[in-house]
Amino acid sequence: MEIKGFIDISFVDWNGKVSSVIFLPGCNMRCPFCFNATLVLHPNKLPTIPLEEIEDYLKKNKGWIDGTVITGGEPTIHNDLPNLCKKIKELSFSVKLDTNGTNPTMIKKLIDKRLVDYIAMDVKAPLTEEKYLKASGVNAKSLLEKIQETIDALLTLNIEHEFRTTLVPTLHRKADVEEICHRIEGCRKYAIQNYKAQVETINPKFKDLKPFSERRMKTFLKAAKKIIPNTIMRS
């Protein structure tokens, strides 16, 4: 497994923790608003970072770094993901995984073997074929059952977790937020965040899309809190 990005210190990728962030290449979705277009579509254009370099950095900063975030792309498409998590855990660091939830078998394995401490799952849209197709950029028929299975696993297994949705004009309405909330009701945390214009997006039409107003985002937050009181809004 190749590592295609590394942030040595982050204060925003894991709430309450100082973390390092590892980026794995490739994804089984093509979300039109995704800002990691090169990582998803052309990872070969990015330099590969040796794991040994990251391990050396973590060892030298044990008193400063709390944990490591593994993100992408989609980390669970890599069969070696458990080995990566194990190496990080052996260095006595906590592991957070960012995922789109399409590989419940992998996620359950990581939880069962205690290779992850926190899972953040993106819920792109209400779980219908039409809406997930628009938000994920791929035919979601074969993925929705797996996404549903991952949601149920996070709701029932003993693992710290959050669900999160990036709200994008042209893709999301208040009713969509409410529908998502009803599906994940009972979760430990739900986070909504506003779309931001990006340097690059998988669909170039989304690059300069104007985000929702602060007032509209507060409307989404209010609607979500009625169903999931522990909903937060990230800047």
C-alpha atoms as a PDB file:
ATOM      1  CA  MET A   1       0.000   0.000   0.000  1.00  0.00           C
ATOM      2  CA  GLU A   2       1.360   3.391  -1.019  1.00  0.00           C
ATOM      3  CA  ILE A   3       0.968   6.500   1.117  1.00  0.00           C
ATOM      4  CA  LYS A   4       0.393   9.590  -1.003  1.00  0.00           C
ATOM      5  CA  GLY A   5       0.089  12.344   1.578  1.00  0.00           C
ATOM      6  CA  PHE A   6       1.044  13.184   5.146  1.00  0.00           C
ATOM      7  CA  ILE A   7       0.220  16.084   7.458  1.00  0.00           C
ATOM      8  CA  ASP A   8       2.557  16.072  10.412  1.00  0.00           C
ATOM      9  CA  ILE A   9       0.423  18.163  12.773  1.00  0.00           C
ATOM     10  CA  SER A  10      -3.321  18.838  12.555  1.00  0.00           C
ATOM     11  CA  PHE A  11      -5.631  20.423  15.096  1.00  0.00           C
ATOM     12  CA  VAL A  12      -8.837  19.949  13.079  1.00  0.00           C
ATOM     13  CA  ASP A  13      -8.938  16.343  11.851  1.00  0.00           C
ATOM     14  CA  TRP A  14      -9.709  14.757  15.224  1.00  0.00           C
ATOM     15  CA  ASN A  15     -11.683  16.798  17.711  1.00  0.00           C
ATOM     16  CA  GLY A  16      -9.814  17.261  20.963  1.00  0.00           C
ATOM     17  CA  LYS A  17      -6.617  15.646  19.693  1.00  0.00           C
ATOM     18  CA  VAL A  18      -3.420  16.745  18.041  1.00  0.00           C
ATOM     19  CA  SER A  19      -3.072  14.341  15.149  1.00  0.00           C
ATOM     20  CA  SER A  20      -0.994  13.379  12.166  1.00  0.00           C
ATOM     21  CA  VAL A  21      -2.874  12.552   8.972  1.00  0.00           C
ATOM     22  CA  ILE A  22      -2.072   9.818   6.461  1.00  0.00           C
ATOM     23  CA  PHE A  23      -3.639   9.970   2.983  1.00  0.00           C
ATOM     24  CA  LEU A  24      -4.184   6.743   1.051  1.00  0.00           C
ATOM     25  CA  PRO A  25      -4.828   6.827  -2.702  1.00  0.00           C
ATOM     26  CA  GLY A  26      -7.848   5.827  -4.746  1.00  0.00           C
ATOM     27  CA  CYS A  27     -11.554   5.694  -4.069  1.00  0.00           C
ATOM     28  CA  ASN A  28     -14.579   3.712  -5.202  1.00  0.00           C
ATOM     29  CA  MET A  29     -16.663   6.882  -5.410  1.00  0.00           C
ATOM     30  CA  ARG A  30     -16.442   9.950  -7.620  1.00  0.00           C
ATOM     31  CA  CYS A  31     -18.164  12.608  -5.520  1.00  0.00           C
ATOM     32  CA  PRO A  32     -18.394  15.638  -7.834  1.00  0.00           C
ATOM     33  CA  PHE A  33     -17.480  18.055  -5.033  1.00  0.00           C
ATOM     34  CA  CYS A  34     -14.465  16.058  -3.791  1.00  0.00           C
ATOM     35  CA  PHE A  35     -11.421  18.288  -3.276  1.00  0.00           C
ATOM     36  CA  ASN A  36      -8.893  15.427  -3.424  1.00  0.00           C
ATOM     37  CA  ALA A  37      -9.307  14.919  -7.155  1.00  0.00           C
ATOM     38  CA  THR A  38      -5.670  14.080  -7.884  1.00  0.00           C
ATOM     39  CA  LEU A  39      -5.487  11.647  -4.968  1.00  0.00           C
ATOM     40  CA  VAL A  40      -8.606   9.877  -6.243  1.00  0.00           C
ATOM     41  CA  LEU A  41      -8.141  10.035 -10.009  1.00  0.00           C
ATOM     42  CA  HIS A  42      -4.387  10.299 -10.593  1.00  0.00           C
ATOM     43  CA  PRO A  43      -2.553   9.123  -7.458  1.00  0.00           C
ATOM     44  CA  ASN A  44       0.436   8.080  -9.590  1.00  0.00           C
ATOM     45  CA  LYS A  45       1.161  11.790 -10.087  1.00  0.00           C
ATOM     46  CA  LEU A  46       1.782  12.186  -6.354  1.00  0.00           C
ATOM     47  CA  PRO A  47       5.028  11.172  -4.648  1.00  0.00           C
ATOM     48  CA  THR A  48       4.957   8.085  -2.444  1.00  0.00           C
ATOM     49  CA  ILE A  49       5.912   8.664   1.180  1.00  0.00           C
ATOM     50  CA  PRO A  50       7.757   5.768   2.823  1.00  0.00           C
ATOM     51  CA  LEU A  51       5.988   4.443   5.888  1.00  0.00           C
ATOM     52  CA  GLU A  52       9.349   4.366   7.657  1.00  0.00           C
ATOM     53  CA  GLU A  53       9.544   8.162   7.465  1.00  0.00           C
ATOM     54  CA  ILE A  54       6.138   8.489   9.094  1.00  0.00           C
ATOM     55  CA  GLU A  55       7.016   5.957  11.764  1.00  0.00           C
ATOM     56  CA  ASP A  56      10.214   7.859  12.569  1.00  0.00           C
ATOM     57  CA  TYR A  57       8.292  11.114  12.860  1.00  0.00           C
ATOM     58  CA  LEU A  58       5.681   9.585  15.170  1.00  0.00           C
ATOM     59  CA  LYS A  59       8.340   8.023  17.386  1.00  0.00           C
ATOM     60  CA  LYS A  60      10.093  11.379  17.759  1.00  0.00           C
ATOM     61  CA  ASN A  61       6.845  13.187  18.622  1.00  0.00           C
ATOM     62  CA  LYS A  62       5.180  10.789  21.047  1.00  0.00           C
ATOM     63  CA  GLY A  63       4.802  13.494  23.649  1.00  0.00           C
ATOM     64  CA  TRP A  64       3.109  15.855  21.219  1.00  0.00           C
ATOM     65  CA  ILE A  65       0.993  13.806  18.808  1.00  0.00           C
ATOM     66  CA  ASP A  66      -2.081  12.097  20.316  1.00  0.00           C
ATOM     67  CA  GLY A  67      -3.178   9.993  17.381  1.00  0.00           C
ATOM     68  CA  THR A  68      -3.110   9.308  13.666  1.00  0.00           C
ATOM     69  CA  VAL A  69      -5.936   9.847  11.188  1.00  0.00           C
ATOM     70  CA  ILE A  70      -6.077   7.542   8.162  1.00  0.00           C
ATOM     71  CA  THR A  71      -8.025   9.101   5.329  1.00  0.00           C
ATOM     72  CA  GLY A  72      -8.109   9.216   1.535  1.00  0.00           C
ATOM     73  CA  GLY A  73      -9.531   8.701  -0.965  1.00  0.00           C
ATOM     74  CA  GLU A  74     -11.150   5.676   0.641  1.00  0.00           C
ATOM     75  CA  PRO A  75      -8.829   3.742   2.973  1.00  0.00           C
ATOM     76  CA  THR A  76     -10.936   0.572   3.120  1.00  0.00           C
ATOM     77  CA  ILE A  77     -10.292  -0.310  -0.527  1.00  0.00           C
ATOM     78  CA  HIS A  78      -6.768  -1.321   0.553  1.00  0.00           C
ATOM     79  CA  ASN A  79      -6.412  -4.891   1.835  1.00  0.00           C
ATOM     80  CA  ASP A  80      -3.315  -3.906   3.825  1.00  0.00           C
ATOM     81  CA  LEU A  81      -5.202  -1.325   5.890  1.00  0.00           C
ATOM     82  CA  PRO A  82      -5.268  -3.568   9.017  1.00  0.00           C
ATOM     83  CA  ASN A  83      -1.483  -3.909   8.844  1.00  0.00           C
ATOM     84  CA  LEU A  84      -1.067  -0.141   8.661  1.00  0.00           C
ATOM     85  CA  CYS A  85      -3.370   0.340  11.636  1.00  0.00           C
ATOM     86  CA  LYS A  86      -1.500  -2.342  13.551  1.00  0.00           C
ATOM     87  CA  LYS A  87       1.862  -0.658  12.947  1.00  0.00           C
ATOM     88  CA  ILE A  88       0.501   2.640  14.246  1.00  0.00           C
ATOM     89  CA  LYS A  89      -1.087   0.995  17.280  1.00  0.00           C
ATOM     90  CA  GLU A  90       2.214  -0.751  18.057  1.00  0.00           C
ATOM     91  CA  LEU A  91       3.745   2.725  18.338  1.00  0.00           C
ATOM     92  CA  SER A  92       1.141   3.454  21.064  1.00  0.00           C
ATOM     93  CA  PHE A  93      -0.901   5.921  19.008  1.00  0.00           C
ATOM     94  CA  SER A  94      -4.677   6.017  18.699  1.00  0.00           C
ATOM     95  CA  VAL A  95      -6.118   5.541  15.209  1.00  0.00           C
ATOM     96  CA  LYS A  96      -9.020   7.369  13.608  1.00  0.00           C
ATOM     97  CA  LEU A  97     -10.416   6.118  10.301  1.00  0.00           C
ATOM     98  CA  ASP A  98     -12.280   8.243   7.756  1.00  0.00           C
ATOM     99  CA  THR A  99     -14.516   6.144   5.490  1.00  0.00           C
ATOM    100  CA  ASN A 100     -17.459   6.246   3.112  1.00  0.00           C
ATOM    101  CA  GLY A 101     -18.810   3.072   4.689  1.00  0.00           C
ATOM    102  CA  THR A 102     -18.741   0.856   1.604  1.00  0.00           C
ATOM    103  CA  ASN A 103     -16.632  -1.928   3.138  1.00  0.00           C
ATOM    104  CA  PRO A 104     -18.446  -3.135   6.275  1.00  0.00           C
ATOM    105  CA  THR A 105     -16.416  -6.361   6.362  1.00  0.00           C
ATOM    106  CA  MET A 106     -13.169  -4.418   6.675  1.00  0.00           C
ATOM    107  CA  ILE A 107     -14.617  -1.997   9.204  1.00  0.00           C
ATOM    108  CA  LYS A 108     -15.966  -4.789  11.419  1.00  0.00           C
ATOM    109  CA  LYS A 109     -12.586  -6.523  11.246  1.00  0.00           C
ATOM    110  CA  LEU A 110     -10.787  -3.372  12.371  1.00  0.00           C
ATOM    111  CA  ILE A 111     -13.215  -2.915  15.245  1.00  0.00           C
ATOM    112  CA  ASP A 112     -13.084  -6.566  16.273  1.00  0.00           C
ATOM    113  CA  LYS A 113      -9.282  -6.578  16.344  1.00  0.00           C
ATOM    114  CA  ARG A 114      -9.217  -3.205  18.139  1.00  0.00           C
ATOM    115  CA  LEU A 115      -7.131  -1.635  15.414  1.00  0.00           C
ATOM    116  CA  VAL A 116      -9.154   1.595  15.365  1.00  0.00           C
ATOM    117  CA  ASP A 117     -10.312   3.875  18.162  1.00  0.00           C
ATOM    118  CA  TYR A 118     -12.617   6.216  16.254  1.00  0.00           C
ATOM    119  CA  ILE A 119     -14.484   5.995  12.957  1.00  0.00           C
ATOM    120  CA  ALA A 120     -15.867   8.946  11.028  1.00  0.00           C
ATOM    121  CA  MET A 121     -18.258   7.905   8.281  1.00  0.00           C
ATOM    122  CA  ASP A 122     -19.457  10.184   5.525  1.00  0.00           C
ATOM    123  CA  VAL A 123     -23.136   9.900   4.689  1.00  0.00           C
ATOM    124  CA  LYS A 124     -23.278  11.576   1.320  1.00  0.00           C
ATOM    125  CA  ALA A 125     -27.039  11.855   0.970  1.00  0.00           C
ATOM    126  CA  PRO A 126     -30.294  10.122   1.898  1.00  0.00           C
ATOM    127  CA  LEU A 127     -29.929   6.424   1.181  1.00  0.00           C
ATOM    128  CA  THR A 128     -31.757   6.210  -2.123  1.00  0.00           C
ATOM    129  CA  GLU A 129     -30.207   5.209  -5.443  1.00  0.00           C
ATOM    130  CA  GLU A 130     -31.078   8.501  -7.117  1.00  0.00           C
ATOM    131  CA  LYS A 131     -29.743  10.785  -4.409  1.00  0.00           C
ATOM    132  CA  TYR A 132     -26.618   8.755  -3.706  1.00  0.00           C
ATOM    133  CA  LEU A 133     -25.817   8.648  -7.410  1.00  0.00           C
ATOM    134  CA  LYS A 134     -25.846  12.451  -7.560  1.00  0.00           C
ATOM    135  CA  ALA A 135     -23.741  12.843  -4.424  1.00  0.00           C
ATOM    136  CA  SER A 136     -21.277   9.983  -4.956  1.00  0.00           C
ATOM    137  CA  GLY A 137     -20.883  10.103  -8.721  1.00  0.00           C
ATOM    138  CA  VAL A 138     -21.286   6.330  -9.069  1.00  0.00           C
ATOM    139  CA  ASN A 139     -24.173   3.917  -9.437  1.00  0.00           C
ATOM    140  CA  ALA A 140     -24.954   3.370  -5.778  1.00  0.00           C
ATOM    141  CA  LYS A 141     -27.270   0.379  -6.147  1.00  0.00           C
ATOM    142  CA  SER A 142     -24.574  -2.127  -5.258  1.00  0.00           C
ATOM    143  CA  LEU A 143     -23.137   0.084  -2.506  1.00  0.00           C
ATOM    144  CA  LEU A 144     -26.226   1.094  -0.558  1.00  0.00           C
ATOM    145  CA  GLU A 145     -26.658  -2.274   1.142  1.00  0.00           C
ATOM    146  CA  LYS A 146     -23.040  -2.140   2.317  1.00  0.00           C
ATOM    147  CA  ILE A 147     -23.413   1.447   3.497  1.00  0.00           C
ATOM    148  CA  GLN A 148     -26.517   0.465   5.440  1.00  0.00           C
ATOM    149  CA  GLU A 149     -24.596  -2.416   7.026  1.00  0.00           C
ATOM    150  CA  THR A 150     -21.786  -0.111   8.126  1.00  0.00           C
ATOM    151  CA  ILE A 151     -24.237   2.371   9.625  1.00  0.00           C
ATOM    152  CA  ASP A 152     -25.850  -0.413  11.642  1.00  0.00           C
ATOM    153  CA  ALA A 153     -22.446  -1.655  12.786  1.00  0.00           C
ATOM    154  CA  LEU A 154     -21.410   1.754  14.075  1.00  0.00           C
ATOM    155  CA  LEU A 155     -24.746   2.203  15.828  1.00  0.00           C
ATOM    156  CA  THR A 156     -24.553  -1.131  17.614  1.00  0.00           C
ATOM    157  CA  LEU A 157     -20.880  -1.947  18.179  1.00  0.00           C
ATOM    158  CA  ASN A 158     -18.798  -0.451  20.961  1.00  0.00           C
ATOM    159  CA  ILE A 159     -16.748   2.031  18.928  1.00  0.00           C
ATOM    160  CA  GLU A 160     -16.444   5.786  19.186  1.00  0.00           C
ATOM    161  CA  HIS A 161     -17.840   7.231  15.977  1.00  0.00           C
ATOM    162  CA  GLU A 162     -19.443  10.068  14.136  1.00  0.00           C
ATOM    163  CA  PHE A 163     -21.434  10.453  10.967  1.00  0.00           C
ATOM    164  CA  ARG A 164     -20.934  13.531   8.859  1.00  0.00           C
ATOM    165  CA  THR A 165     -22.329  15.178   5.754  1.00  0.00           C
ATOM    166  CA  THR A 166     -20.906  17.888   3.552  1.00  0.00           C
ATOM    167  CA  LEU A 167     -23.877  19.977   2.465  1.00  0.00           C
ATOM    168  CA  VAL A 168     -23.633  21.082  -1.141  1.00  0.00           C
ATOM    169  CA  PRO A 169     -25.905  23.512  -3.012  1.00  0.00           C
ATOM    170  CA  THR A 170     -27.693  21.743  -5.892  1.00  0.00           C
ATOM    171  CA  LEU A 171     -27.438  18.443  -3.980  1.00  0.00           C
ATOM    172  CA  HIS A 172     -28.963  18.951  -0.519  1.00  0.00           C
ATOM    173  CA  ARG A 173     -32.146  20.375   0.978  1.00  0.00           C
ATOM    174  CA  LYS A 174     -33.421  20.511   4.540  1.00  0.00           C
ATOM    175  CA  ALA A 175     -35.563  17.438   3.900  1.00  0.00           C
ATOM    176  CA  ASP A 176     -32.417  15.519   2.922  1.00  0.00           C
ATOM    177  CA  VAL A 177     -30.737  16.386   6.221  1.00  0.00           C
ATOM    178  CA  GLU A 178     -33.829  15.247   8.096  1.00  0.00           C
ATOM    179  CA  GLU A 179     -33.939  11.975   6.161  1.00  0.00           C
ATOM    180  CA  ILE A 180     -30.270  11.278   6.901  1.00  0.00           C
ATOM    181  CA  CYS A 181     -30.818  12.039  10.591  1.00  0.00           C
ATOM    182  CA  HIS A 182     -33.724   9.618  10.866  1.00  0.00           C
ATOM    183  CA  ARG A 183     -31.517   6.856   9.442  1.00  0.00           C
ATOM    184  CA  ILE A 184     -28.614   7.442  11.852  1.00  0.00           C
ATOM    185  CA  GLU A 185     -30.718   8.413  14.861  1.00  0.00           C
ATOM    186  CA  GLY A 186     -29.074   7.242  18.066  1.00  0.00           C
ATOM    187  CA  CYS A 187     -25.532   7.895  16.827  1.00  0.00           C
ATOM    188  CA  ARG A 188     -22.908   9.327  19.153  1.00  0.00           C
ATOM    189  CA  LYS A 189     -22.319  12.396  16.994  1.00  0.00           C
ATOM    190  CA  TYR A 190     -23.504  13.882  13.711  1.00  0.00           C
ATOM    191  CA  ALA A 191     -21.536  16.663  12.038  1.00  0.00           C
ATOM    192  CA  ILE A 192     -22.653  18.846   9.163  1.00  0.00           C
ATOM    193  CA  GLN A 193     -20.282  21.073   7.254  1.00  0.00           C
ATOM    194  CA  ASN A 194     -20.736  23.581   4.492  1.00  0.00           C
ATOM    195  CA  TYR A 195     -19.292  23.045   1.059  1.00  0.00           C
ATOM    196  CA  LYS A 196     -16.430  25.370   0.226  1.00  0.00           C
ATOM    197  CA  ALA A 197     -15.141  26.380  -3.177  1.00  0.00           C
ATOM    198  CA  GLN A 198     -12.056  24.294  -3.850  1.00  0.00           C
ATOM    199  CA  VAL A 199      -8.876  24.578  -5.891  1.00  0.00           C
ATOM    200  CA  GLU A 200      -9.869  21.409  -7.723  1.00  0.00           C
ATOM    201  CA  THR A 201     -12.927  19.196  -7.737  1.00  0.00           C
ATOM    202  CA  ILE A 202     -13.669  15.934  -9.497  1.00  0.00           C
ATOM    203  CA  ASN A 203     -16.460  17.672 -11.403  1.00  0.00           C
ATOM    204  CA  PRO A 204     -15.039  21.068 -12.505  1.00  0.00           C
ATOM    205  CA  LYS A 205     -18.536  22.583 -12.378  1.00  0.00           C
ATOM    206  CA  PHE A 206     -18.413  22.389  -8.585  1.00  0.00           C
ATOM    207  CA  LYS A 207     -15.127  24.258  -8.295  1.00  0.00           C
ATOM    208  CA  ASP A 208     -16.672  27.727  -8.044  1.00  0.00           C
ATOM    209  CA  LEU A 209     -20.020  26.726  -6.581  1.00  0.00           C
ATOM    210  CA  LYS A 210     -21.187  29.240  -3.989  1.00  0.00           C
ATOM    211  CA  PRO A 211     -21.641  27.609  -0.552  1.00  0.00           C
ATOM    212  CA  PHE A 212     -24.776  27.866   1.552  1.00  0.00           C
ATOM    213  CA  SER A 213     -25.254  31.045   3.551  1.00  0.00           C
ATOM    214  CA  GLU A 214     -24.670  30.977   7.301  1.00  0.00           C
ATOM    215  CA  ARG A 215     -28.389  31.457   7.807  1.00  0.00           C
ATOM    216  CA  ARG A 216     -29.206  28.430   5.656  1.00  0.00           C
ATOM    217  CA  MET A 217     -26.651  26.309   7.492  1.00  0.00           C
ATOM    218  CA  LYS A 218     -28.254  27.266  10.808  1.00  0.00           C
ATOM    219  CA  THR A 219     -31.576  26.105   9.383  1.00  0.00           C
ATOM    220  CA  PHE A 220     -30.015  22.727   8.556  1.00  0.00           C
ATOM    221  CA  LEU A 221     -28.477  22.529  12.034  1.00  0.00           C
ATOM    222  CA  LYS A 222     -31.775  23.307  13.750  1.00  0.00           C
ATOM    223  CA  ALA A 223     -33.575  20.646  11.720  1.00  0.00           C
ATOM    224  CA  ALA A 224     -30.893  18.057  12.496  1.00  0.00           C
ATOM    225  CA  LYS A 225     -30.859  18.832  16.228  1.00  0.00           C
ATOM    226  CA  LYS A 226     -34.569  18.079  16.491  1.00  0.00           C
ATOM    227  CA  ILE A 227     -33.753  14.473  15.560  1.00  0.00           C
ATOM    228  CA  ILE A 228     -30.149  14.157  16.768  1.00  0.00           C
ATOM    229  CA  PRO A 229     -29.581  16.630  19.638  1.00  0.00           C
ATOM    230  CA  ASN A 230     -25.808  16.080  19.560  1.00  0.00           C
ATOM    231  CA  THR A 231     -25.455  17.408  16.019  1.00  0.00           C
ATOM    232  CA  ILE A 232     -22.650  19.895  15.516  1.00  0.00           C
ATOM    233  CA  MET A 233     -21.786  22.253  12.668  1.00  0.00           C
ATOM    234  CA  ARG A 234     -18.157  22.417  11.597  1.00  0.00           C
ATOM    235  CA  SER A 235     -16.659  25.447   9.958  1.00  0.00           C
END
